[in-house]
Amino acid sequence: MKQACIRFYAQLNDFLPPERRMQTITYSFDVSGSVKDTIEAMGVPHTEVDFILVNGAPVDFGYRVQGGDRVSVFPRFRSIDIGLLAHLQPPALGERRFVADGHLGRLAAYLRMLGFDTLYRSDYRDEEVARLSSSENRILLTRDRGLLKRNEVRCGYYLRATEPAQQLVEVFREFDLAPAIIPFHRCMHCNALLRATEKESIQHRLLPQTAKYFDEFYACPDCERVYWRGSHYRRMKRFIESVM
């Protein structure tokens, strides 16, 4: 049986059992497989890996692990310049667009509230989410490791937090979203861009108190929801400030 030594660095250790974290792991195998399959068999999705060194030299995901190899696996780094090494993750997108799996409805609404194009349906199947991520060049957000291991998924992120507000903070940090927020111009329900609308055209849909005290309204062209800057708007502004 062949053996290779594999070491995962930084946050990639989140995916390993506690007894294997922050140490060199001896990996035994009979048939050489790709380094992508090897690291995913150990629990780490390929979307979390930005570069790999084998015996000190950079390799891509297709490299076939050999007996005696020393494999070092690294995540995306924010504060270290690795410009001379071969990145395995695609370059940062000019516009951050997301697709969230079926368990992340609140996170999807928060991202839409802050202006980020985010696809979400509670009944998405795994293959749909993976296809949308690939075909529309969207970042896949999930807490399902298996979903991130699908070959067609190129850009994705595994959320460590379980509480939606903390998940939002996590996504903001990971993808440096703060400079790109444009709050309150996208429908939180269906993701469409909102349009300013005259009060007279929607007055029949408003409660008397709302029509009396507010004059600025926005409507969703797809689901026809109406938005205005009431007490809920002030609460959302405070929430955004806490996240920032």
Protein backbone atom coordinates (compact mmCIF):
# COMPACT_ATOMS: atom_id res chain seq x y z
CA MET A 1 0.00 0.00 0.00
CA LYS A 2 1.25 3.49 -0.90
CA GLN A 3 1.36 6.41 1.49
CA ALA A 4 1.45 10.20 1.13
CA CYS A 5 1.79 12.89 3.80
CA ILE A 6 -0.89 15.60 3.65
CA ARG A 7 -1.14 18.83 5.66
CA PHE A 8 -4.08 21.22 5.62
CA TYR A 9 -3.54 24.84 6.63
CA ALA A 10 -5.53 27.57 8.38
CA GLN A 11 -9.34 27.38 8.14
CA LEU A 12 -9.26 24.16 6.09
CA ASN A 13 -8.80 22.40 9.42
CA ASP A 14 -12.45 23.25 10.17
CA PHE A 15 -13.40 20.29 7.96
CA LEU A 16 -11.21 17.73 9.71
CA PRO A 17 -11.98 15.71 12.85
CA PRO A 18 -10.33 17.32 15.91
CA GLU A 19 -7.65 14.64 16.19
CA ARG A 20 -6.40 15.36 12.64
CA ARG A 21 -6.27 19.15 12.77
CA MET A 22 -3.09 21.20 12.48
CA GLN A 23 -0.85 18.21 11.81
CA THR A 24 0.57 16.12 8.99
CA ILE A 25 -1.73 13.23 8.12
CA THR A 26 -0.52 9.94 6.65
CA TYR A 27 -2.85 8.97 3.80
CA SER A 28 -2.77 5.35 2.61
CA PHE A 29 -4.02 4.22 -0.81
CA ASP A 30 -3.71 1.40 -3.33
CA VAL A 31 -4.48 3.31 -6.57
CA SER A 32 -3.28 6.83 -7.30
CA GLY A 33 -6.21 9.25 -7.57
CA SER A 34 -6.39 12.97 -8.28
CA VAL A 35 -5.38 15.29 -5.50
CA LYS A 36 -8.89 16.80 -5.73
CA ASP A 37 -10.50 13.44 -4.99
CA THR A 38 -7.97 12.79 -2.24
CA ILE A 39 -8.57 16.01 -0.31
CA GLU A 40 -12.35 15.69 -0.71
CA ALA A 41 -12.23 12.11 0.57
CA MET A 42 -10.64 13.59 3.69
CA GLY A 43 -13.58 16.01 4.08
CA VAL A 44 -12.37 19.27 2.50
CA PRO A 45 -14.43 20.63 -0.45
CA HIS A 46 -12.33 21.76 -3.42
CA THR A 47 -14.08 25.15 -3.42
CA GLU A 48 -12.26 25.97 -0.16
CA VAL A 49 -8.80 25.26 -1.61
CA ASP A 50 -6.84 27.97 -3.44
CA PHE A 51 -3.48 26.29 -4.04
CA ILE A 52 -1.68 23.01 -3.48
CA LEU A 53 2.01 22.22 -3.22
CA VAL A 54 3.31 18.69 -3.81
CA ASN A 55 6.93 18.22 -2.78
CA GLY A 56 7.27 22.00 -2.81
CA ALA A 57 5.91 22.56 -6.34
CA PRO A 58 2.42 23.93 -7.22
CA VAL A 59 -0.03 21.48 -8.85
CA ASP A 60 -3.61 21.64 -10.10
CA PHE A 61 -6.54 19.52 -8.99
CA GLY A 62 -5.82 16.91 -11.66
CA TYR A 63 -2.43 15.91 -10.24
CA ARG A 64 -2.38 12.20 -9.32
CA VAL A 65 -1.01 11.55 -5.86
CA GLN A 66 2.02 9.25 -5.73
CA GLY A 67 3.55 7.21 -2.93
CA GLY A 68 5.97 9.32 -0.90
CA ASP A 69 4.38 12.67 -1.88
CA ARG A 70 4.25 15.49 0.63
CA VAL A 71 1.09 17.48 -0.06
CA SER A 72 0.38 20.93 1.41
CA VAL A 73 -3.15 22.29 0.94
CA PHE A 74 -3.95 25.98 1.44
CA PRO A 75 -7.13 28.09 1.53
CA ARG A 76 -7.68 31.55 0.06
CA PHE A 77 -5.57 34.06 1.96
CA ARG A 78 -6.57 37.69 2.44
CA SER A 79 -3.38 39.09 3.97
CA ILE A 80 -0.62 37.11 2.23
CA ASP A 81 0.53 37.78 -1.33
CA ILE A 82 0.85 34.46 -3.18
CA GLY A 83 0.97 36.04 -6.63
CA LEU A 84 3.75 33.77 -7.88
CA LEU A 85 1.81 30.61 -7.05
CA ALA A 86 -0.93 29.00 -9.15
CA HIS A 87 -4.37 29.88 -7.78
CA LEU A 88 -6.93 27.10 -8.08
CA GLN A 89 -9.94 29.28 -7.33
CA PRO A 90 -11.29 31.61 -10.05
CA PRO A 91 -10.35 35.29 -9.74
CA ALA A 92 -12.64 37.54 -7.73
CA LEU A 93 -15.76 38.44 -9.68
CA GLY A 94 -16.35 42.07 -10.56
CA GLU A 95 -19.93 41.78 -9.35
CA ARG A 96 -20.58 39.46 -6.43
CA ARG A 97 -23.60 37.30 -7.31
CA PHE A 98 -24.79 34.40 -5.18
CA VAL A 99 -27.00 31.34 -5.17
CA ALA A 100 -28.04 30.04 -1.75
CA ASP A 101 -29.19 26.51 -1.07
CA GLY A 102 -32.60 25.70 0.39
CA HIS A 103 -31.66 26.13 4.06
CA LEU A 104 -30.43 29.73 3.79
CA GLY A 105 -33.57 31.75 3.16
CA ARG A 106 -32.91 34.39 5.81
CA LEU A 107 -29.32 34.88 4.65
CA ALA A 108 -30.54 35.27 1.05
CA ALA A 109 -33.03 37.95 2.17
CA TYR A 110 -30.28 39.82 4.03
CA LEU A 111 -27.99 39.77 0.99
CA ARG A 112 -30.81 41.06 -1.23
CA MET A 113 -31.58 43.80 1.30
CA LEU A 114 -27.97 44.95 0.92
CA GLY A 115 -28.20 44.95 -2.86
CA PHE A 116 -26.58 41.65 -3.82
CA ASP A 117 -28.10 39.55 -6.61
CA THR A 118 -28.95 36.33 -4.75
CA LEU A 119 -30.96 33.43 -6.15
CA TYR A 120 -32.86 31.33 -3.63
CA ARG A 121 -35.79 28.94 -3.47
CA SER A 122 -36.64 26.68 -0.56
CA ASP A 123 -37.27 23.79 -2.96
CA TYR A 124 -34.00 23.98 -4.93
CA ARG A 125 -32.54 20.54 -5.61
CA ASP A 126 -28.79 20.13 -5.23
CA GLU A 127 -28.31 19.69 -8.97
CA GLU A 128 -30.21 22.95 -9.64
CA VAL A 129 -28.07 24.94 -7.22
CA ALA A 130 -24.86 23.49 -8.68
CA ARG A 131 -26.03 24.21 -12.24
CA LEU A 132 -26.99 27.82 -11.44
CA SER A 133 -23.65 28.40 -9.75
CA SER A 134 -21.77 27.10 -12.80
CA SER A 135 -23.89 28.47 -15.66
CA GLU A 136 -24.44 31.94 -14.18
CA ASN A 137 -21.03 32.34 -12.54
CA ARG A 138 -22.50 32.66 -9.05
CA ILE A 139 -20.91 31.98 -5.68
CA LEU A 140 -22.66 29.00 -4.09
CA LEU A 141 -23.42 29.45 -0.38
CA THR A 142 -24.22 26.33 1.62
CA ARG A 143 -23.68 24.28 4.75
CA ASP A 144 -23.70 21.08 2.70
CA ARG A 145 -20.14 19.85 2.04
CA GLY A 146 -21.37 17.31 -0.48
CA LEU A 147 -22.89 20.07 -2.61
CA LEU A 148 -19.55 21.89 -2.78
CA LYS A 149 -17.80 18.69 -3.88
CA ARG A 150 -19.77 18.51 -7.14
CA ASN A 151 -17.42 18.84 -10.09
CA GLU A 152 -19.40 21.60 -11.82
CA VAL A 153 -19.17 23.91 -8.80
CA ARG A 154 -16.18 26.20 -9.26
CA CYS A 155 -16.84 28.95 -6.74
CA GLY A 156 -18.53 28.26 -3.44
CA TYR A 157 -18.28 28.80 0.27
CA TYR A 158 -19.12 26.61 3.26
CA LEU A 159 -20.75 28.64 6.02
CA ARG A 160 -19.42 27.88 9.47
CA ALA A 161 -22.05 29.88 11.37
CA THR A 162 -25.63 28.66 11.81
CA GLU A 163 -27.29 31.96 12.80
CA PRO A 164 -28.26 34.09 9.75
CA ALA A 165 -26.83 37.40 10.98
CA GLN A 166 -23.50 35.75 11.73
CA GLN A 167 -23.60 34.02 8.36
CA LEU A 168 -23.98 37.45 6.75
CA VAL A 169 -20.94 38.77 8.62
CA GLU A 170 -19.01 35.69 7.51
CA VAL A 171 -19.89 36.21 3.84
CA PHE A 172 -19.02 39.92 4.10
CA ARG A 173 -15.56 39.09 5.40
CA GLU A 174 -14.87 36.24 3.01
CA PHE A 175 -15.81 38.16 -0.14
CA ASP A 176 -15.05 41.73 0.96
CA LEU A 177 -18.59 42.93 0.31
CA ALA A 178 -18.64 46.10 2.40
CA PRO A 179 -17.56 48.49 -0.40
CA ALA A 180 -20.22 47.11 -2.77
CA ILE A 181 -23.42 47.37 -0.73
CA ILE A 182 -26.37 49.33 -2.17
CA PRO A 183 -29.10 48.83 0.43
CA PHE A 184 -32.83 48.77 -0.25
CA HIS A 185 -32.87 48.68 -4.04
CA ARG A 186 -33.64 44.97 -4.49
CA CYS A 187 -36.76 43.01 -3.50
CA MET A 188 -36.04 40.85 -0.45
CA HIS A 189 -38.69 38.37 -1.53
CA CYS A 190 -37.91 37.70 -5.20
CA ASN A 191 -34.56 39.44 -5.91
CA ALA A 192 -35.85 41.84 -8.62
CA LEU A 193 -34.67 45.45 -8.73
CA LEU A 194 -37.17 47.86 -7.20
CA ARG A 195 -38.68 50.82 -9.05
CA ALA A 196 -39.80 54.16 -7.63
CA THR A 197 -43.56 54.44 -7.96
CA GLU A 198 -46.15 57.19 -7.53
CA LYS A 199 -48.31 56.89 -4.43
CA GLU A 200 -51.44 57.48 -6.48
CA SER A 201 -50.86 54.32 -8.50
CA ILE A 202 -50.72 52.07 -5.43
CA GLN A 203 -52.84 54.00 -2.90
CA HIS A 204 -55.62 51.43 -3.11
CA ARG A 205 -53.18 48.83 -1.74
CA LEU A 206 -52.01 50.89 1.25
CA LEU A 207 -53.35 51.11 4.77
CA PRO A 208 -54.81 54.57 5.54
CA GLN A 209 -52.06 55.44 8.03
CA THR A 210 -49.35 54.42 5.58
CA ALA A 211 -50.88 56.54 2.81
CA LYS A 212 -51.24 59.48 5.19
CA TYR A 213 -47.69 59.63 6.56
CA PHE A 214 -45.49 58.40 3.69
CA ASP A 215 -44.94 59.71 0.19
CA GLU A 216 -41.94 57.77 -1.14
CA PHE A 217 -42.70 54.26 -2.36
CA TYR A 218 -40.93 51.52 -4.32
CA ALA A 219 -42.57 48.58 -6.05
CA CYS A 220 -41.26 45.23 -7.22
CA PRO A 221 -42.05 44.70 -10.92
CA ASP A 222 -42.12 40.91 -10.49
CA CYS A 223 -43.97 40.07 -7.26
CA GLU A 224 -45.64 43.53 -6.92
CA ARG A 225 -44.66 44.02 -3.29
CA VAL A 226 -44.54 47.64 -2.15
CA TYR A 227 -41.80 49.12 0.06
CA TRP A 228 -41.63 52.38 2.01
CA ARG A 229 -39.45 53.85 4.74
CA GLY A 230 -41.49 53.00 7.81
CA SER A 231 -40.38 51.66 11.20
CA HIS A 232 -39.18 48.44 9.55
CA TYR A 233 -36.79 50.53 7.42
CA ARG A 234 -35.24 52.06 10.53
CA ARG A 235 -34.84 48.62 12.10
CA MET A 236 -33.11 47.32 8.98
CA LYS A 237 -30.77 50.33 8.93
CA ARG A 238 -29.75 49.58 12.52
CA PHE A 239 -29.21 45.94 11.56
CA ILE A 240 -26.96 46.95 8.64
CA GLU A 241 -24.94 49.22 10.93
CA SER A 242 -24.44 46.35 13.38
CA VAL A 243 -23.25 44.06 10.59
CA MET A 244 -20.85 46.65 9.22
